[in-house]
């Protein structure tokens, strides 16, 4: 075998495998970003559904159980995608569910205190939902959502 042919084959193999590796890493990163963005979207919709239930409870003192299954299941993906301060805002919204549950269960709470707790929980959920709406949807998608989903939970 000729040395020139061997050298050409080695250089071609090196660049071919390097290119394959870089493209593979790029595709894997895009897939991970897509999965994380989809996780944020699922948590967004869960927050919006909770926001509606909290709004009804704050206004009429009619309580429904709040959801947190998507958040619990998708937290690892969310944690890899969100900035720490953004993740903290979402976690605070889910931590505030304890206040909602206490307002639901504790009969000794005066109604003004109960409503104040519910308003705080509602504000936490709205802030987290707004953040995820801005960051996990395109501007066009977010504009359509704000007209349909977020507007429905503003009571």
C-alpha atoms as a PDB file:
ATOM      1  CA  UNK A   1       0.000   0.000   0.000  1.00  0.00           C
ATOM      2  CA  UNK A   2       1.204   3.455  -0.877  1.00  0.00           C
ATOM      3  CA  UNK A   3       2.046   5.882   1.976  1.00  0.00           C
ATOM      4  CA  UNK A   4       0.160   8.712   0.235  1.00  0.00           C
ATOM      5  CA  UNK A   5      -2.978   6.567   0.016  1.00  0.00           C
ATOM      6  CA  UNK A   6      -2.664   5.553   3.665  1.00  0.00           C
ATOM      7  CA  UNK A   7      -2.165   9.150   4.769  1.00  0.00           C
ATOM      8  CA  UNK A   8      -5.140  10.313   2.679  1.00  0.00           C
ATOM      9  CA  UNK A   9      -7.305   7.558   4.166  1.00  0.00           C
ATOM     10  CA  UNK A  10      -6.251   8.456   7.723  1.00  0.00           C
ATOM     11  CA  UNK A  11      -6.924  12.173   7.204  1.00  0.00           C
ATOM     12  CA  UNK A  12     -10.297  11.376   5.591  1.00  0.00           C
ATOM     13  CA  UNK A  13     -11.214   9.003   8.408  1.00  0.00           C
ATOM     14  CA  UNK A  14     -10.237  11.593  11.028  1.00  0.00           C
ATOM     15  CA  UNK A  15     -12.281  14.388   9.487  1.00  0.00           C
ATOM     16  CA  UNK A  16     -15.187  12.091   8.708  1.00  0.00           C
ATOM     17  CA  UNK A  17     -15.408  10.741  12.239  1.00  0.00           C
ATOM     18  CA  UNK A  18     -14.898  14.213  13.738  1.00  0.00           C
ATOM     19  CA  UNK A  19     -17.703  15.599  11.607  1.00  0.00           C
ATOM     20  CA  UNK A  20     -19.947  12.680  12.502  1.00  0.00           C
ATOM     21  CA  UNK A  21     -19.206  13.251  16.192  1.00  0.00           C
ATOM     22  CA  UNK A  22     -19.912  16.982  16.024  1.00  0.00           C
ATOM     23  CA  UNK A  23     -23.159  16.513  14.107  1.00  0.00           C
ATOM     24  CA  UNK A  24     -24.211  13.782  16.538  1.00  0.00           C
ATOM     25  CA  UNK A  25     -23.491  15.992  19.530  1.00  0.00           C
ATOM     26  CA  UNK A  26     -25.380  18.894  17.924  1.00  0.00           C
ATOM     27  CA  UNK A  27     -28.404  16.698  17.195  1.00  0.00           C
ATOM     28  CA  UNK A  28     -28.353  15.272  20.717  1.00  0.00           C
ATOM     29  CA  UNK A  29     -28.193  18.770  22.210  1.00  0.00           C
ATOM     30  CA  UNK A  30     -31.138  19.913  20.067  1.00  0.00           C
ATOM     31  CA  UNK A  31     -33.159  16.870  21.158  1.00  0.00           C
ATOM     32  CA  UNK A  32     -32.367  17.578  24.822  1.00  0.00           C
ATOM     33  CA  UNK A  33     -33.340  21.244  24.408  1.00  0.00           C
ATOM     34  CA  UNK A  34     -36.586  20.224  22.707  1.00  0.00           C
ATOM     35  CA  UNK A  35     -37.393  17.768  25.511  1.00  0.00           C
ATOM     36  CA  UNK A  36     -36.659  20.417  28.150  1.00  0.00           C
ATOM     37  CA  UNK A  37     -38.758  23.015  26.361  1.00  0.00           C
ATOM     38  CA  UNK A  38     -41.614  20.515  26.103  1.00  0.00           C
ATOM     39  CA  UNK A  39     -41.259  19.817  29.831  1.00  0.00           C
ATOM     40  CA  UNK A  40     -41.533  23.553  30.539  1.00  0.00           C
ATOM     41  CA  UNK A  41     -44.624  23.728  28.355  1.00  0.00           C
ATOM     42  CA  UNK A  42     -46.279  20.850  30.199  1.00  0.00           C
ATOM     43  CA  UNK A  43     -45.545  22.502  33.547  1.00  0.00           C
ATOM     44  CA  UNK A  44     -46.898  25.785  32.160  1.00  0.00           C
ATOM     45  CA  UNK A  45     -50.246  24.201  31.335  1.00  0.00           C
ATOM     46  CA  UNK A  46     -50.369  22.535  34.741  1.00  0.00           C
ATOM     47  CA  UNK A  47     -49.736  25.911  36.402  1.00  0.00           C
ATOM     48  CA  UNK A  48     -52.498  27.517  34.324  1.00  0.00           C
ATOM     49  CA  UNK A  49     -54.972  24.800  35.301  1.00  0.00           C
ATOM     50  CA  UNK A  50     -54.013  25.310  38.949  1.00  0.00           C
ATOM     51  CA  UNK A  51     -54.311  29.063  38.509  1.00  0.00           C
ATOM     52  CA  UNK A  52     -57.916  28.680  37.395  1.00  0.00           C
ATOM     53  CA  UNK A  53     -58.753  26.489  40.406  1.00  0.00           C
ATOM     54  CA  UNK A  54     -56.994  28.868  42.806  1.00  0.00           C
ATOM     55  CA  UNK A  55     -58.858  31.828  41.303  1.00  0.00           C
ATOM     56  CA  UNK A  56     -62.183  30.087  41.901  1.00  0.00           C
ATOM     57  CA  UNK A  57     -61.143  29.258  45.470  1.00  0.00           C
ATOM     58  CA  UNK A  58     -60.011  32.830  46.133  1.00  0.00           C
ATOM     59  CA  UNK A  59     -63.244  34.282  44.842  1.00  0.00           C
ATOM     60  CA  UNK A  60     -65.824  31.727  45.962  1.00  0.00           C
ATOM     61  CA  UNK A  61     -64.023  29.549  48.548  1.00  0.00           C
ATOM     62  CA  UNK A  62     -64.738  26.468  46.415  1.00  0.00           C
ATOM     63  CA  UNK A  63     -61.658  24.261  46.455  1.00  0.00           C
ATOM     64  CA  UNK A  64     -60.479  21.696  43.933  1.00  0.00           C
ATOM     65  CA  UNK A  65     -57.358  19.573  44.317  1.00  0.00           C
ATOM     66  CA  UNK A  66     -54.364  21.150  42.605  1.00  0.00           C
ATOM     67  CA  UNK A  67     -52.144  19.246  40.207  1.00  0.00           C
ATOM     68  CA  UNK A  68     -48.401  18.733  40.450  1.00  0.00           C
ATOM     69  CA  UNK A  69     -47.761  15.502  38.550  1.00  0.00           C
ATOM     70  CA  UNK A  70     -46.094  17.154  35.547  1.00  0.00           C
ATOM     71  CA  UNK A  71     -43.860  19.228  37.771  1.00  0.00           C
ATOM     72  CA  UNK A  72     -42.782  16.234  39.860  1.00  0.00           C
ATOM     73  CA  UNK A  73     -42.146  14.085  36.800  1.00  0.00           C
ATOM     74  CA  UNK A  74     -40.438  16.742  34.655  1.00  0.00           C
ATOM     75  CA  UNK A  75     -38.381  18.609  37.249  1.00  0.00           C
ATOM     76  CA  UNK A  76     -35.039  17.121  36.078  1.00  0.00           C
ATOM     77  CA  UNK A  77     -35.599  18.335  32.510  1.00  0.00           C
ATOM     78  CA  UNK A  78     -36.832  21.672  33.775  1.00  0.00           C
ATOM     79  CA  UNK A  79     -33.774  22.041  36.003  1.00  0.00           C
ATOM     80  CA  UNK A  80     -31.390  21.503  33.079  1.00  0.00           C
ATOM     81  CA  UNK A  81     -33.155  24.068  30.920  1.00  0.00           C
ATOM     82  CA  UNK A  82     -34.203  26.882  33.284  1.00  0.00           C
ATOM     83  CA  UNK A  83     -31.910  29.442  34.808  1.00  0.00           C
ATOM     84  CA  UNK A  84     -31.712  29.018  38.601  1.00  0.00           C
ATOM     85  CA  UNK A  85     -33.774  32.130  39.353  1.00  0.00           C
ATOM     86  CA  UNK A  86     -36.448  31.012  36.880  1.00  0.00           C
ATOM     87  CA  UNK A  87     -36.530  27.542  38.373  1.00  0.00           C
ATOM     88  CA  UNK A  88     -36.844  29.043  41.847  1.00  0.00           C
ATOM     89  CA  UNK A  89     -39.914  31.015  40.758  1.00  0.00           C
ATOM     90  CA  UNK A  90     -41.580  27.842  39.435  1.00  0.00           C
ATOM     91  CA  UNK A  91     -40.644  25.876  42.568  1.00  0.00           C
ATOM     92  CA  UNK A  92     -42.077  28.631  44.780  1.00  0.00           C
ATOM     93  CA  UNK A  93     -45.390  28.339  42.950  1.00  0.00           C
ATOM     94  CA  UNK A  94     -45.523  24.625  43.669  1.00  0.00           C
ATOM     95  CA  UNK A  95     -44.392  25.127  47.263  1.00  0.00           C
ATOM     96  CA  UNK A  96     -47.276  27.553  47.729  1.00  0.00           C
ATOM     97  CA  UNK A  97     -49.701  24.677  47.157  1.00  0.00           C
ATOM     98  CA  UNK A  98     -49.184  23.878  50.855  1.00  0.00           C
ATOM     99  CA  UNK A  99     -50.762  27.244  51.688  1.00  0.00           C
ATOM    100  CA  UNK A 100     -53.687  26.474  49.398  1.00  0.00           C
ATOM    101  CA  UNK A 101     -54.202  23.125  51.096  1.00  0.00           C
ATOM    102  CA  UNK A 102     -54.038  24.719  54.540  1.00  0.00           C
ATOM    103  CA  UNK A 103     -56.613  27.332  53.506  1.00  0.00           C
ATOM    104  CA  UNK A 104     -58.796  24.478  52.307  1.00  0.00           C
ATOM    105  CA  UNK A 105     -58.468  22.308  55.437  1.00  0.00           C
ATOM    106  CA  UNK A 106     -58.095  24.728  58.341  1.00  0.00           C
ATOM    107  CA  UNK A 107     -61.598  25.737  59.395  1.00  0.00           C
ATOM    108  CA  UNK A 108     -60.222  28.050  62.101  1.00  0.00           C
ATOM    109  CA  UNK A 109     -58.779  30.504  59.545  1.00  0.00           C
ATOM    110  CA  UNK A 110     -60.864  33.670  59.257  1.00  0.00           C
ATOM    111  CA  UNK A 111     -62.109  34.304  55.733  1.00  0.00           C
ATOM    112  CA  UNK A 112     -59.934  37.429  55.189  1.00  0.00           C
ATOM    113  CA  UNK A 113     -56.802  35.434  56.099  1.00  0.00           C
ATOM    114  CA  UNK A 114     -57.907  32.531  53.919  1.00  0.00           C
ATOM    115  CA  UNK A 115     -58.473  34.885  50.975  1.00  0.00           C
ATOM    116  CA  UNK A 116     -55.114  36.599  51.546  1.00  0.00           C
ATOM    117  CA  UNK A 117     -53.348  33.226  51.493  1.00  0.00           C
ATOM    118  CA  UNK A 118     -55.192  32.259  48.322  1.00  0.00           C
ATOM    119  CA  UNK A 119     -54.277  35.561  46.659  1.00  0.00           C
ATOM    120  CA  UNK A 120     -50.606  34.952  47.481  1.00  0.00           C
ATOM    121  CA  UNK A 121     -50.775  31.435  46.038  1.00  0.00           C
ATOM    122  CA  UNK A 122     -52.530  32.816  42.962  1.00  0.00           C
ATOM    123  CA  UNK A 123     -49.836  35.459  42.467  1.00  0.00           C
ATOM    124  CA  UNK A 124     -47.110  32.808  42.730  1.00  0.00           C
ATOM    125  CA  UNK A 125     -48.800  30.656  40.096  1.00  0.00           C
ATOM    126  CA  UNK A 126     -49.413  33.603  37.774  1.00  0.00           C
ATOM    127  CA  UNK A 127     -45.796  34.733  37.982  1.00  0.00           C
ATOM    128  CA  UNK A 128     -44.472  31.227  37.270  1.00  0.00           C
ATOM    129  CA  UNK A 129     -46.931  30.679  34.413  1.00  0.00           C
ATOM    130  CA  UNK A 130     -46.034  34.039  32.869  1.00  0.00           C
ATOM    131  CA  UNK A 131     -42.329  33.225  33.071  1.00  0.00           C
ATOM    132  CA  UNK A 132     -42.788  29.826  31.414  1.00  0.00           C
ATOM    133  CA  UNK A 133     -45.083  31.331  28.787  1.00  0.00           C
ATOM    134  CA  UNK A 134     -42.396  33.860  27.855  1.00  0.00           C
ATOM    135  CA  UNK A 135     -39.507  31.420  27.857  1.00  0.00           C
ATOM    136  CA  UNK A 136     -40.893  28.147  26.532  1.00  0.00           C
ATOM    137  CA  UNK A 137     -43.063  29.429  23.682  1.00  0.00           C
ATOM    138  CA  UNK A 138     -42.203  31.546  20.668  1.00  0.00           C
ATOM    139  CA  UNK A 139     -43.558  35.094  20.689  1.00  0.00           C
ATOM    140  CA  UNK A 140     -46.236  34.082  18.198  1.00  0.00           C
ATOM    141  CA  UNK A 141     -47.303  31.059  20.253  1.00  0.00           C
ATOM    142  CA  UNK A 142     -47.289  33.101  23.459  1.00  0.00           C
ATOM    143  CA  UNK A 143     -49.463  35.790  21.880  1.00  0.00           C
ATOM    144  CA  UNK A 144     -52.049  33.185  20.940  1.00  0.00           C
ATOM    145  CA  UNK A 145     -51.895  31.614  24.405  1.00  0.00           C
ATOM    146  CA  UNK A 146     -52.327  34.898  26.223  1.00  0.00           C
ATOM    147  CA  UNK A 147     -55.641  35.394  24.451  1.00  0.00           C
ATOM    148  CA  UNK A 148     -56.983  31.952  25.245  1.00  0.00           C
ATOM    149  CA  UNK A 149     -55.405  30.339  28.292  1.00  0.00           C
ATOM    150  CA  UNK A 150     -54.016  33.039  30.571  1.00  0.00           C
ATOM    151  CA  UNK A 151     -57.016  35.307  30.051  1.00  0.00           C
ATOM    152  CA  UNK A 152     -59.304  32.517  31.213  1.00  0.00           C
ATOM    153  CA  UNK A 153     -57.540  32.254  34.565  1.00  0.00           C
ATOM    154  CA  UNK A 154     -57.523  35.900  35.472  1.00  0.00           C
ATOM    155  CA  UNK A 155     -60.474  35.736  37.868  1.00  0.00           C
END
